[in-house]
Amino acid sequence: MLDLEQLKSIAELVDNMDLATEKLDKAYADNDAEEFNKIKKEILDAQAKISLMFGKEGIANK
């Protein structure tokens, strides 16, 4: 079961992904491949952290 701190962490990651998505759209529109790839990595890292929390070995299954 998730506790309040874990839920806050997930909410923060989701908020950061939302902001990063807006930046990703801008980098794409500006044809800025370097910035696009940097932001894409940030989003993928956040997704991976969330997946670990809910994954087979994640906190949700403890």
N, C-alpha and C. Protein backbone atom coordinates (compact mmCIF):
# COMPACT_ATOMS: atom_id res chain seq x y z
N MET A 1 0.84 -1.19 0.00
CA MET A 1 0.00 0.00 0.00
C MET A 1 0.88 1.25 0.00
N LEU A 2 0.47 2.25 -0.73
CA LEU A 2 1.22 3.49 -0.82
C LEU A 2 0.89 4.40 0.36
N ASP A 3 1.93 5.05 0.88
CA ASP A 3 1.68 6.02 1.94
C ASP A 3 1.65 7.43 1.34
N LEU A 4 1.41 8.41 2.17
CA LEU A 4 1.25 9.79 1.71
C LEU A 4 2.51 10.31 1.01
N GLU A 5 3.67 10.02 1.55
CA GLU A 5 4.92 10.48 0.95
C GLU A 5 5.14 9.88 -0.43
N GLN A 6 4.80 8.62 -0.58
CA GLN A 6 4.95 7.95 -1.87
C GLN A 6 3.98 8.55 -2.88
N LEU A 7 2.77 8.84 -2.45
CA LEU A 7 1.79 9.48 -3.33
C LEU A 7 2.25 10.87 -3.75
N LYS A 8 2.85 11.59 -2.81
CA LYS A 8 3.38 12.92 -3.14
C LYS A 8 4.49 12.82 -4.18
N SER A 9 5.34 11.82 -4.02
CA SER A 9 6.44 11.61 -4.97
C SER A 9 5.91 11.32 -6.37
N ILE A 10 4.89 10.49 -6.43
CA ILE A 10 4.29 10.16 -7.72
C ILE A 10 3.65 11.39 -8.34
N ALA A 11 2.93 12.16 -7.53
CA ALA A 11 2.29 13.38 -8.03
C ALA A 11 3.33 14.36 -8.57
N GLU A 12 4.45 14.49 -7.89
CA GLU A 12 5.51 15.37 -8.33
C GLU A 12 6.11 14.90 -9.67
N LEU A 13 6.32 13.60 -9.78
CA LEU A 13 6.84 13.05 -11.04
C LEU A 13 5.87 13.30 -12.19
N VAL A 14 4.59 13.11 -11.94
CA VAL A 14 3.58 13.33 -12.98
C VAL A 14 3.54 14.81 -13.36
N ASP A 15 3.59 15.70 -12.38
CA ASP A 15 3.61 17.14 -12.68
C ASP A 15 4.84 17.51 -13.51
N ASN A 16 5.99 16.95 -13.14
CA ASN A 16 7.21 17.22 -13.89
C ASN A 16 7.11 16.70 -15.32
N MET A 17 6.48 15.54 -15.48
CA MET A 17 6.29 14.99 -16.83
C MET A 17 5.38 15.90 -17.65
N ASP A 18 4.35 16.44 -17.02
CA ASP A 18 3.44 17.33 -17.71
C ASP A 18 4.16 18.58 -18.21
N LEU A 19 4.98 19.18 -17.35
CA LEU A 19 5.76 20.35 -17.75
C LEU A 19 6.77 20.00 -18.83
N ALA A 20 7.40 18.85 -18.69
CA ALA A 20 8.38 18.42 -19.68
C ALA A 20 7.74 18.18 -21.03
N THR A 21 6.50 17.71 -21.04
CA THR A 21 5.79 17.46 -22.30
C THR A 21 5.59 18.76 -23.07
N GLU A 22 5.27 19.83 -22.34
CA GLU A 22 5.14 21.13 -22.98
C GLU A 22 6.46 21.58 -23.60
N LYS A 23 7.56 21.38 -22.85
CA LYS A 23 8.88 21.72 -23.37
C LYS A 23 9.24 20.85 -24.56
N LEU A 24 8.83 19.58 -24.51
CA LEU A 24 9.10 18.66 -25.61
C LEU A 24 8.40 19.13 -26.88
N ASP A 25 7.16 19.56 -26.74
CA ASP A 25 6.41 20.09 -27.88
C ASP A 25 7.12 21.30 -28.49
N LYS A 26 7.62 22.19 -27.62
CA LYS A 26 8.31 23.39 -28.10
C LYS A 26 9.61 23.02 -28.82
N ALA A 27 10.37 22.10 -28.23
CA ALA A 27 11.62 21.67 -28.86
C ALA A 27 11.34 21.05 -30.23
N TYR A 28 10.26 20.29 -30.32
CA TYR A 28 9.88 19.68 -31.60
C TYR A 28 9.51 20.76 -32.61
N ALA A 29 8.71 21.73 -32.18
CA ALA A 29 8.29 22.81 -33.07
C ALA A 29 9.48 23.66 -33.52
N ASP A 30 10.45 23.81 -32.63
CA ASP A 30 11.65 24.59 -32.95
C ASP A 30 12.69 23.77 -33.71
N ASN A 31 12.39 22.49 -33.92
CA ASN A 31 13.31 21.57 -34.61
C ASN A 31 14.66 21.49 -33.89
N ASP A 32 14.60 21.47 -32.55
CA ASP A 32 15.80 21.42 -31.71
C ASP A 32 15.99 19.98 -31.22
N ALA A 33 16.71 19.20 -31.99
CA ALA A 33 16.88 17.78 -31.70
C ALA A 33 17.59 17.53 -30.38
N GLU A 34 18.60 18.35 -30.07
CA GLU A 34 19.35 18.15 -28.82
C GLU A 34 18.45 18.36 -27.60
N GLU A 35 17.68 19.44 -27.60
CA GLU A 35 16.78 19.72 -26.48
C GLU A 35 15.66 18.67 -26.42
N PHE A 36 15.16 18.29 -27.59
CA PHE A 36 14.11 17.27 -27.66
C PHE A 36 14.57 15.97 -27.00
N ASN A 37 15.76 15.52 -27.35
CA ASN A 37 16.29 14.27 -26.79
C ASN A 37 16.55 14.38 -25.29
N LYS A 38 17.02 15.54 -24.84
CA LYS A 38 17.25 15.76 -23.41
C LYS A 38 15.94 15.67 -22.63
N ILE A 39 14.91 16.33 -23.12
CA ILE A 39 13.61 16.33 -22.43
C ILE A 39 12.96 14.94 -22.52
N LYS A 40 13.10 14.29 -23.66
CA LYS A 40 12.56 12.94 -23.81
C LYS A 40 13.16 12.01 -22.77
N LYS A 41 14.47 12.14 -22.53
CA LYS A 41 15.13 11.31 -21.51
C LYS A 41 14.56 11.61 -20.13
N GLU A 42 14.31 12.88 -19.82
CA GLU A 42 13.73 13.25 -18.52
C GLU A 42 12.37 12.58 -18.34
N ILE A 43 11.56 12.60 -19.38
CA ILE A 43 10.23 11.99 -19.32
C ILE A 43 10.34 10.48 -19.13
N LEU A 44 11.22 9.85 -19.88
CA LEU A 44 11.40 8.41 -19.76
C LEU A 44 11.93 8.02 -18.38
N ASP A 45 12.81 8.85 -17.82
CA ASP A 45 13.32 8.59 -16.47
C ASP A 45 12.20 8.66 -15.44
N ALA A 46 11.33 9.67 -15.57
CA ALA A 46 10.21 9.80 -14.64
C ALA A 46 9.26 8.61 -14.78
N GLN A 47 9.00 8.19 -16.02
CA GLN A 47 8.14 7.02 -16.24
C GLN A 47 8.74 5.78 -15.61
N ALA A 48 10.05 5.63 -15.72
CA ALA A 48 10.72 4.46 -15.15
C ALA A 48 10.61 4.47 -13.62
N LYS A 49 10.76 5.65 -13.02
CA LYS A 49 10.64 5.74 -11.56
C LYS A 49 9.23 5.35 -11.11
N ILE A 50 8.23 5.83 -11.83
CA ILE A 50 6.85 5.48 -11.49
C ILE A 50 6.62 3.98 -11.68
N SER A 51 7.14 3.44 -12.76
CA SER A 51 6.99 2.01 -13.02
C SER A 51 7.61 1.17 -11.91
N LEU A 52 8.77 1.60 -11.42
CA LEU A 52 9.41 0.87 -10.33
C LEU A 52 8.55 0.90 -9.07
N MET A 53 7.89 2.01 -8.83
CA MET A 53 7.04 2.12 -7.65
C MET A 53 5.85 1.16 -7.72
N PHE A 54 5.35 0.93 -8.92
CA PHE A 54 4.18 0.08 -9.09
C PHE A 54 4.51 -1.28 -9.67
N GLY A 55 5.76 -1.48 -10.00
CA GLY A 55 6.17 -2.72 -10.65
C GLY A 55 6.24 -3.89 -9.71
N LYS A 56 6.70 -4.99 -10.26
CA LYS A 56 6.79 -6.26 -9.55
C LYS A 56 7.54 -6.10 -8.22
N GLU A 57 8.61 -5.33 -8.23
CA GLU A 57 9.40 -5.14 -7.01
C GLU A 57 9.12 -3.79 -6.37
N GLY A 58 8.10 -3.09 -6.84
CA GLY A 58 7.81 -1.76 -6.36
C GLY A 58 7.12 -1.72 -5.02
N ILE A 59 6.95 -0.53 -4.51
CA ILE A 59 6.38 -0.30 -3.17
C ILE A 59 4.92 -0.70 -3.08
N ALA A 60 4.22 -0.65 -4.18
CA ALA A 60 2.78 -0.96 -4.15
C ALA A 60 2.54 -2.43 -3.83
N ASN A 61 3.53 -3.27 -4.05
CA ASN A 61 3.34 -4.71 -3.83
C ASN A 61 3.96 -5.20 -2.53
N LYS A 62 4.39 -4.29 -1.68
CA LYS A 62 5.02 -4.70 -0.41
C LYS A 62 4.00 -4.82 0.66
